[in-house]
Amino acid sequence: MKDLSRYRAMESLCRQSAVFHPHDSWRLLAQAEMWHHKAEDELAARSVQRDVAAPIDAVVGTEFQGRAARASRSLGRR
């Protein structure tokens, strides 16, 4: 999350600087675009990690619930 916040802050800073420095605006706007793409890449990477982790969590959670139910039955609880 720290990287994403930093990327967004740098993008914003570059865009604001472009307004106050018109002679360098082309370079600053190009840098802003670079930071924007870095932020998008970070979001995409997190989305992939979340999508991969979700099915694993579901399987582990189901397995854990099954074990808990078996242990509860062996103790005479329902």
PDB file of N, CA and C in Angstrom:
ATOM      1  N   MET A   1       0.824  -1.188   0.000  1.00  0.00           N
ATOM      2  CA  MET A   1       0.000   0.000   0.000  1.00  0.00           C
ATOM      3  C   MET A   1       0.869   1.253   0.000  1.00  0.00           C
ATOM      4  N   LYS A   2       2.012   1.143   0.634  1.00  0.00           N
ATOM      5  CA  LYS A   2       2.916   2.277   0.725  1.00  0.00           C
ATOM      6  C   LYS A   2       3.379   2.718  -0.668  1.00  0.00           C
ATOM      7  N   ASP A   3       3.726   1.755  -1.514  1.00  0.00           N
ATOM      8  CA  ASP A   3       4.182   2.080  -2.861  1.00  0.00           C
ATOM      9  C   ASP A   3       3.085   2.749  -3.673  1.00  0.00           C
ATOM     10  N   LEU A   4       1.872   2.239  -3.580  1.00  0.00           N
ATOM     11  CA  LEU A   4       0.768   2.804  -4.339  1.00  0.00           C
ATOM     12  C   LEU A   4       0.524   4.258  -3.938  1.00  0.00           C
ATOM     13  N   SER A   5       0.543   4.544  -2.656  1.00  0.00           N
ATOM     14  CA  SER A   5       0.357   5.919  -2.180  1.00  0.00           C
ATOM     15  C   SER A   5       1.471   6.823  -2.686  1.00  0.00           C
ATOM     16  N   ARG A   6       2.682   6.312  -2.668  1.00  0.00           N
ATOM     17  CA  ARG A   6       3.821   7.100  -3.150  1.00  0.00           C
ATOM     18  C   ARG A   6       3.699   7.379  -4.641  1.00  0.00           C
ATOM     19  N   TYR A   7       3.305   6.379  -5.415  1.00  0.00           N
ATOM     20  CA  TYR A   7       3.146   6.568  -6.858  1.00  0.00           C
ATOM     21  C   TYR A   7       2.090   7.631  -7.157  1.00  0.00           C
ATOM     22  N   ARG A   8       0.970   7.559  -6.455  1.00  0.00           N
ATOM     23  CA  ARG A   8      -0.101   8.543  -6.664  1.00  0.00           C
ATOM     24  C   ARG A   8       0.353   9.946  -6.256  1.00  0.00           C
ATOM     25  N   ALA A   9       1.092  10.047  -5.163  1.00  0.00           N
ATOM     26  CA  ALA A   9       1.587  11.344  -4.704  1.00  0.00           C
ATOM     27  C   ALA A   9       2.570  11.944  -5.717  1.00  0.00           C
ATOM     28  N   MET A  10       3.443  11.112  -6.251  1.00  0.00           N
ATOM     29  CA  MET A  10       4.412  11.599  -7.234  1.00  0.00           C
ATOM     30  C   MET A  10       3.708  12.034  -8.523  1.00  0.00           C
ATOM     31  N   GLU A  11       2.695  11.294  -8.918  1.00  0.00           N
ATOM     32  CA  GLU A  11       1.927  11.675 -10.104  1.00  0.00           C
ATOM     33  C   GLU A  11       1.293  13.049  -9.897  1.00  0.00           C
ATOM     34  N   SER A  12       0.680  13.232  -8.753  1.00  0.00           N
ATOM     35  CA  SER A  12       0.033  14.493  -8.445  1.00  0.00           C
ATOM     36  C   SER A  12       1.039  15.642  -8.384  1.00  0.00           C
ATOM     37  N   LEU A  13       2.167  15.413  -7.751  1.00  0.00           N
ATOM     38  CA  LEU A  13       3.203  16.435  -7.645  1.00  0.00           C
ATOM     39  C   LEU A  13       3.709  16.850  -9.027  1.00  0.00           C
ATOM     40  N   CYS A  14       3.918  15.887  -9.898  1.00  0.00           N
ATOM     41  CA  CYS A  14       4.384  16.198 -11.258  1.00  0.00           C
ATOM     42  C   CYS A  14       3.351  17.015 -12.019  1.00  0.00           C
ATOM     43  N   ARG A  15       2.089  16.662 -11.889  1.00  0.00           N
ATOM     44  CA  ARG A  15       1.034  17.406 -12.585  1.00  0.00           C
ATOM     45  C   ARG A  15       0.924  18.835 -12.047  1.00  0.00           C
ATOM     46  N   GLN A  16       1.025  18.982 -10.731  1.00  0.00           N
ATOM     47  CA  GLN A  16       0.968  20.326 -10.138  1.00  0.00           C
ATOM     48  C   GLN A  16       2.180  21.155 -10.554  1.00  0.00           C
ATOM     49  N   SER A  17       3.339  20.529 -10.581  1.00  0.00           N
ATOM     50  CA  SER A  17       4.553  21.243 -10.979  1.00  0.00           C
ATOM     51  C   SER A  17       4.470  21.684 -12.435  1.00  0.00           C
ATOM     52  N   ALA A  18       3.829  20.890 -13.278  1.00  0.00           N
ATOM     53  CA  ALA A  18       3.688  21.249 -14.686  1.00  0.00           C
ATOM     54  C   ALA A  18       2.902  22.545 -14.854  1.00  0.00           C
ATOM     55  N   VAL A  19       1.949  22.782 -13.980  1.00  0.00           N
ATOM     56  CA  VAL A  19       1.161  24.008 -14.046  1.00  0.00           C
ATOM     57  C   VAL A  19       2.034  25.226 -13.738  1.00  0.00           C
ATOM     58  N   PHE A  20       2.912  25.092 -12.763  1.00  0.00           N
ATOM     59  CA  PHE A  20       3.728  26.223 -12.324  1.00  0.00           C
ATOM     60  C   PHE A  20       5.029  26.387 -13.106  1.00  0.00           C
ATOM     61  N   HIS A  21       5.387  25.392 -13.905  1.00  0.00           N
ATOM     62  CA  HIS A  21       6.606  25.445 -14.712  1.00  0.00           C
ATOM     63  C   HIS A  21       6.271  25.085 -16.158  1.00  0.00           C
ATOM     64  N   PRO A  22       5.658  26.025 -16.887  1.00  0.00           N
ATOM     65  CA  PRO A  22       5.198  25.713 -18.246  1.00  0.00           C
ATOM     66  C   PRO A  22       6.303  25.302 -19.212  1.00  0.00           C
ATOM     67  N   HIS A  23       7.527  25.800 -19.000  1.00  0.00           N
ATOM     68  CA  HIS A  23       8.620  25.438 -19.909  1.00  0.00           C
ATOM     69  C   HIS A  23       9.028  23.969 -19.755  1.00  0.00           C
ATOM     70  N   ASP A  24       8.821  23.429 -18.577  1.00  0.00           N
ATOM     71  CA  ASP A  24       9.160  22.031 -18.309  1.00  0.00           C
ATOM     72  C   ASP A  24       7.930  21.128 -18.260  1.00  0.00           C
ATOM     73  N   SER A  25       6.785  21.678 -18.647  1.00  0.00           N
ATOM     74  CA  SER A  25       5.540  20.917 -18.477  1.00  0.00           C
ATOM     75  C   SER A  25       5.542  19.611 -19.260  1.00  0.00           C
ATOM     76  N   TRP A  26       6.138  19.589 -20.447  1.00  0.00           N
ATOM     77  CA  TRP A  26       6.157  18.362 -21.242  1.00  0.00           C
ATOM     78  C   TRP A  26       6.879  17.244 -20.497  1.00  0.00           C
ATOM     79  N   ARG A  27       8.003  17.587 -19.852  1.00  0.00           N
ATOM     80  CA  ARG A  27       8.783  16.591 -19.113  1.00  0.00           C
ATOM     81  C   ARG A  27       8.035  16.161 -17.844  1.00  0.00           C
ATOM     82  N   LEU A  28       7.459  17.130 -17.157  1.00  0.00           N
ATOM     83  CA  LEU A  28       6.739  16.819 -15.912  1.00  0.00           C
ATOM     84  C   LEU A  28       5.491  15.987 -16.175  1.00  0.00           C
ATOM     85  N   LEU A  29       4.794  16.291 -17.255  1.00  0.00           N
ATOM     86  CA  LEU A  29       3.604  15.499 -17.585  1.00  0.00           C
ATOM     87  C   LEU A  29       3.981  14.083 -18.012  1.00  0.00           C
ATOM     88  N   ALA A  30       5.126  13.941 -18.662  1.00  0.00           N
ATOM     89  CA  ALA A  30       5.606  12.598 -19.018  1.00  0.00           C
ATOM     90  C   ALA A  30       5.938  11.802 -17.750  1.00  0.00           C
ATOM     91  N   GLN A  31       6.557  12.479 -16.782  1.00  0.00           N
ATOM     92  CA  GLN A  31       6.849  11.805 -15.511  1.00  0.00           C
ATOM     93  C   GLN A  31       5.567  11.442 -14.777  1.00  0.00           C
ATOM     94  N   ALA A  32       4.585  12.328 -14.810  1.00  0.00           N
ATOM     95  CA  ALA A  32       3.297  12.036 -14.177  1.00  0.00           C
ATOM     96  C   ALA A  32       2.665  10.798 -14.804  1.00  0.00           C
ATOM     97  N   GLU A  33       2.764  10.704 -16.109  1.00  0.00           N
ATOM     98  CA  GLU A  33       2.218   9.533 -16.812  1.00  0.00           C
ATOM     99  C   GLU A  33       2.947   8.255 -16.389  1.00  0.00           C
ATOM    100  N   MET A  34       4.267   8.354 -16.226  1.00  0.00           N
ATOM    101  CA  MET A  34       5.047   7.198 -15.784  1.00  0.00           C
ATOM    102  C   MET A  34       4.580   6.741 -14.395  1.00  0.00           C
ATOM    103  N   TRP A  35       4.396   7.700 -13.470  1.00  0.00           N
ATOM    104  CA  TRP A  35       3.944   7.347 -12.119  1.00  0.00           C
ATOM    105  C   TRP A  35       2.540   6.760 -12.148  1.00  0.00           C
ATOM    106  N   HIS A  36       1.712   7.284 -13.042  1.00  0.00           N
ATOM    107  CA  HIS A  36       0.353   6.757 -13.180  1.00  0.00           C
ATOM    108  C   HIS A  36       0.383   5.292 -13.606  1.00  0.00           C
ATOM    109  N   HIS A  37       1.240   4.968 -14.563  1.00  0.00           N
ATOM    110  CA  HIS A  37       1.353   3.582 -15.028  1.00  0.00           C
ATOM    111  C   HIS A  37       1.930   2.673 -13.944  1.00  0.00           C
ATOM    112  N   LYS A  38       2.868   3.186 -13.169  1.00  0.00           N
ATOM    113  CA  LYS A  38       3.404   2.388 -12.053  1.00  0.00           C
ATOM    114  C   LYS A  38       2.294   2.063 -11.056  1.00  0.00           C
ATOM    115  N   ALA A  39       1.437   3.049 -10.761  1.00  0.00           N
ATOM    116  CA  ALA A  39       0.324   2.821  -9.837  1.00  0.00           C
ATOM    117  C   ALA A  39      -0.643   1.782 -10.402  1.00  0.00           C
ATOM    118  N   GLU A  40      -0.933   1.869 -11.693  1.00  0.00           N
ATOM    119  CA  GLU A  40      -1.822   0.882 -12.322  1.00  0.00           C
ATOM    120  C   GLU A  40      -1.217  -0.514 -12.276  1.00  0.00           C
ATOM    121  N   ASP A  41       0.086  -0.610 -12.519  1.00  0.00           N
ATOM    122  CA  ASP A  41       0.761  -1.909 -12.453  1.00  0.00           C
ATOM    123  C   ASP A  41       0.700  -2.485 -11.041  1.00  0.00           C
ATOM    124  N   GLU A  42       0.864  -1.631 -10.046  1.00  0.00           N
ATOM    125  CA  GLU A  42       0.786  -2.067  -8.645  1.00  0.00           C
ATOM    126  C   GLU A  42      -0.610  -2.598  -8.329  1.00  0.00           C
ATOM    127  N   LEU A  43      -1.628  -1.880  -8.783  1.00  0.00           N
ATOM    128  CA  LEU A  43      -3.007  -2.333  -8.558  1.00  0.00           C
ATOM    129  C   LEU A  43      -3.274  -3.663  -9.259  1.00  0.00           C
ATOM    130  N   ALA A  44      -2.766  -3.804 -10.469  1.00  0.00           N
ATOM    131  CA  ALA A  44      -2.959  -5.052 -11.213  1.00  0.00           C
ATOM    132  C   ALA A  44      -2.267  -6.212 -10.503  1.00  0.00           C
ATOM    133  N   ALA A  45      -1.076  -5.974  -9.996  1.00  0.00           N
ATOM    134  CA  ALA A  45      -0.344  -7.033  -9.287  1.00  0.00           C
ATOM    135  C   ALA A  45      -1.092  -7.446  -8.026  1.00  0.00           C
ATOM    136  N   ARG A  46      -1.645  -6.476  -7.317  1.00  0.00           N
ATOM    137  CA  ARG A  46      -2.418  -6.800  -6.106  1.00  0.00           C
ATOM    138  C   ARG A  46      -3.680  -7.568  -6.448  1.00  0.00           C
ATOM    139  N   SER A  47      -4.304  -7.214  -7.555  1.00  0.00           N
ATOM    140  CA  SER A  47      -5.514  -7.909  -7.974  1.00  0.00           C
ATOM    141  C   SER A  47      -5.211  -9.374  -8.274  1.00  0.00           C
ATOM    142  N   VAL A  48      -4.105  -9.623  -8.946  1.00  0.00           N
ATOM    143  CA  VAL A  48      -3.711 -11.003  -9.260  1.00  0.00           C
ATOM    144  C   VAL A  48      -3.417 -11.761  -7.983  1.00  0.00           C
ATOM    145  N   GLN A  49      -2.701 -11.137  -7.046  1.00  0.00           N
ATOM    146  CA  GLN A  49      -2.391 -11.801  -5.775  1.00  0.00           C
ATOM    147  C   GLN A  49      -3.663 -12.122  -5.014  1.00  0.00           C
ATOM    148  N   ARG A  50      -4.619 -11.183  -5.013  1.00  0.00           N
ATOM    149  CA  ARG A  50      -5.877 -11.395  -4.302  1.00  0.00           C
ATOM    150  C   ARG A  50      -6.668 -12.522  -4.955  1.00  0.00           C
ATOM    151  N   ASP A  51      -6.686 -12.555  -6.292  1.00  0.00           N
ATOM    152  CA  ASP A  51      -7.437 -13.588  -7.002  1.00  0.00           C
ATOM    153  C   ASP A  51      -6.832 -14.969  -6.776  1.00  0.00           C
ATOM    154  N   VAL A  52      -5.526 -15.044  -6.644  1.00  0.00           N
ATOM    155  CA  VAL A  52      -4.858 -16.323  -6.403  1.00  0.00           C
ATOM    156  C   VAL A  52      -5.067 -16.759  -4.962  1.00  0.00           C
ATOM    157  N   ALA A  53      -5.021 -15.809  -4.034  1.00  0.00           N
ATOM    158  CA  ALA A  53      -5.133 -16.129  -2.615  1.00  0.00           C
ATOM    159  C   ALA A  53      -6.557 -16.515  -2.222  1.00  0.00           C
ATOM    160  N   ALA A  54      -7.557 -15.958  -2.863  1.00  0.00           N
ATOM    161  CA  ALA A  54      -8.945 -16.221  -2.485  1.00  0.00           C
ATOM    162  C   ALA A  54      -9.311 -17.703  -2.566  1.00  0.00           C
ATOM    163  N   PRO A  55      -9.038 -18.399  -3.677  1.00  0.00           N
ATOM    164  CA  PRO A  55      -9.377 -19.826  -3.722  1.00  0.00           C
ATOM    165  C   PRO A  55      -8.594 -20.643  -2.696  1.00  0.00           C
ATOM    166  N   ILE A  56      -7.358 -20.270  -2.443  1.00  0.00           N
ATOM    167  CA  ILE A  56      -6.556 -20.989  -1.454  1.00  0.00           C
ATOM    168  C   ILE A  56      -7.163 -20.816  -0.070  1.00  0.00           C
ATOM    169  N   ASP A  57      -7.558 -19.580   0.258  1.00  0.00           N
ATOM    170  CA  ASP A  57      -8.190 -19.320   1.553  1.00  0.00           C
ATOM    171  C   ASP A  57      -9.492 -20.104   1.695  1.00  0.00           C
ATOM    172  N   ALA A  58     -10.245 -20.207   0.614  1.00  0.00           N
ATOM    173  CA  ALA A  58     -11.507 -20.938   0.659  1.00  0.00           C
ATOM    174  C   ALA A  58     -11.262 -22.417   0.925  1.00  0.00           C
ATOM    175  N   VAL A  59     -10.267 -22.993   0.293  1.00  0.00           N
ATOM    176  CA  VAL A  59      -9.953 -24.410   0.485  1.00  0.00           C
ATOM    177  C   VAL A  59      -9.439 -24.640   1.899  1.00  0.00           C
ATOM    178  N   VAL A  60      -8.535 -23.804   2.349  1.00  0.00           N
ATOM    179  CA  VAL A  60      -7.988 -23.950   3.701  1.00  0.00           C
ATOM    180  C   VAL A  60      -9.089 -23.761   4.731  1.00  0.00           C
ATOM    181  N   GLY A  61      -9.951 -22.776   4.515  1.00  0.00           N
ATOM    182  CA  GLY A  61     -11.053 -22.537   5.442  1.00  0.00           C
ATOM    183  C   GLY A  61     -11.996 -23.724   5.514  1.00  0.00           C
ATOM    184  N   THR A  62     -12.323 -24.329   4.377  1.00  0.00           N
ATOM    185  CA  THR A  62     -13.202 -25.489   4.331  1.00  0.00           C
ATOM    186  C   THR A  62     -12.558 -26.678   5.028  1.00  0.00           C
ATOM    187  N   GLU A  63     -11.276 -26.867   4.781  1.00  0.00           N
ATOM    188  CA  GLU A  63     -10.557 -27.968   5.417  1.00  0.00           C
ATOM    189  C   GLU A  63     -10.531 -27.781   6.930  1.00  0.00           C
ATOM    190  N   PHE A  64     -10.292 -26.559   7.375  1.00  0.00           N
ATOM    191  CA  PHE A  64     -10.252 -26.275   8.805  1.00  0.00           C
ATOM    192  C   PHE A  64     -11.619 -26.509   9.446  1.00  0.00           C
ATOM    193  N   GLN A  65     -12.684 -26.093   8.776  1.00  0.00           N
ATOM    194  CA  GLN A  65     -14.027 -26.298   9.311  1.00  0.00           C
ATOM    195  C   GLN A  65     -14.341 -27.783   9.424  1.00  0.00           C
ATOM    196  N   GLY A  66     -13.895 -28.562   8.443  1.00  0.00           N
ATOM    197  CA  GLY A  66     -14.111 -30.004   8.495  1.00  0.00           C
ATOM    198  C   GLY A  66     -13.389 -30.634   9.670  1.00  0.00           C
ATOM    199  N   ARG A  67     -12.170 -30.225   9.908  1.00  0.00           N
ATOM    200  CA  ARG A  67     -11.409 -30.739  11.052  1.00  0.00           C
ATOM    201  C   ARG A  67     -12.061 -30.351  12.366  1.00  0.00           C
ATOM    202  N   ALA A  68     -12.526 -29.100  12.442  1.00  0.00           N
ATOM    203  CA  ALA A  68     -13.170 -28.631  13.671  1.00  0.00           C
ATOM    204  C   ALA A  68     -14.443 -29.426  13.945  1.00  0.00           C
ATOM    205  N   ALA A  69     -15.208 -29.722  12.892  1.00  0.00           N
ATOM    206  CA  ALA A  69     -16.442 -30.488  13.062  1.00  0.00           C
ATOM    207  C   ALA A  69     -16.127 -31.907  13.516  1.00  0.00           C
ATOM    208  N   ARG A  70     -15.112 -32.535  12.943  1.00  0.00           N
ATOM    209  CA  ARG A  70     -14.733 -33.892  13.349  1.00  0.00           C
ATOM    210  C   ARG A  70     -14.259 -33.909  14.802  1.00  0.00           C
ATOM    211  N   ALA A  71     -13.475 -32.891  15.173  1.00  0.00           N
ATOM    212  CA  ALA A  71     -12.975 -32.837  16.541  1.00  0.00           C
ATOM    213  C   ALA A  71     -14.115 -32.626  17.510  1.00  0.00           C
ATOM    214  N   SER A  72     -15.067 -31.805  17.141  1.00  0.00           N
ATOM    215  CA  SER A  72     -16.221 -31.535  17.992  1.00  0.00           C
ATOM    216  C   SER A  72     -17.051 -32.805  18.186  1.00  0.00           C
ATOM    217  N   ARG A  73     -17.247 -33.584  17.104  1.00  0.00           N
ATOM    218  CA  ARG A  73     -18.017 -34.818  17.199  1.00  0.00           C
ATOM    219  C   ARG A  73     -17.283 -35.854  18.076  1.00  0.00           C
ATOM    220  N   SER A  74     -15.947 -35.860  17.966  1.00  0.00           N
ATOM    221  CA  SER A  74     -15.216 -36.842  18.758  1.00  0.00           C
ATOM    222  C   SER A  74     -15.264 -36.501  20.257  1.00  0.00           C
ATOM    223  N   LEU A  75     -15.533 -35.235  20.556  1.00  0.00           N
ATOM    224  CA  LEU A  75     -15.656 -34.809  21.950  1.00  0.00           C
ATOM    225  C   LEU A  75     -17.104 -34.917  22.427  1.00  0.00           C
ATOM    226  N   GLY A  76     -18.000 -35.308  21.550  1.00  0.00           N
ATOM    227  CA  GLY A  76     -19.390 -35.482  21.939  1.00  0.00           C
ATOM    228  C   GLY A  76     -20.200 -34.200  21.802  1.00  0.00           C
ATOM    229  N   ARG A  77     -19.680 -33.207  21.111  1.00  0.00           N
ATOM    230  CA  ARG A  77     -20.406 -31.955  20.927  1.00  0.00           C
ATOM    231  C   ARG A  77     -20.988 -31.908  19.518  1.00  0.00           C
ATOM    232  N   ARG A  78     -21.977 -31.073  19.344  1.00  0.00           N
ATOM    233  CA  ARG A  78     -22.549 -30.888  18.002  1.00  0.00           C
ATOM    234  C   ARG A  78     -22.718 -29.468  17.681  1.00  0.00           C
TER     235      ARG A  78
END
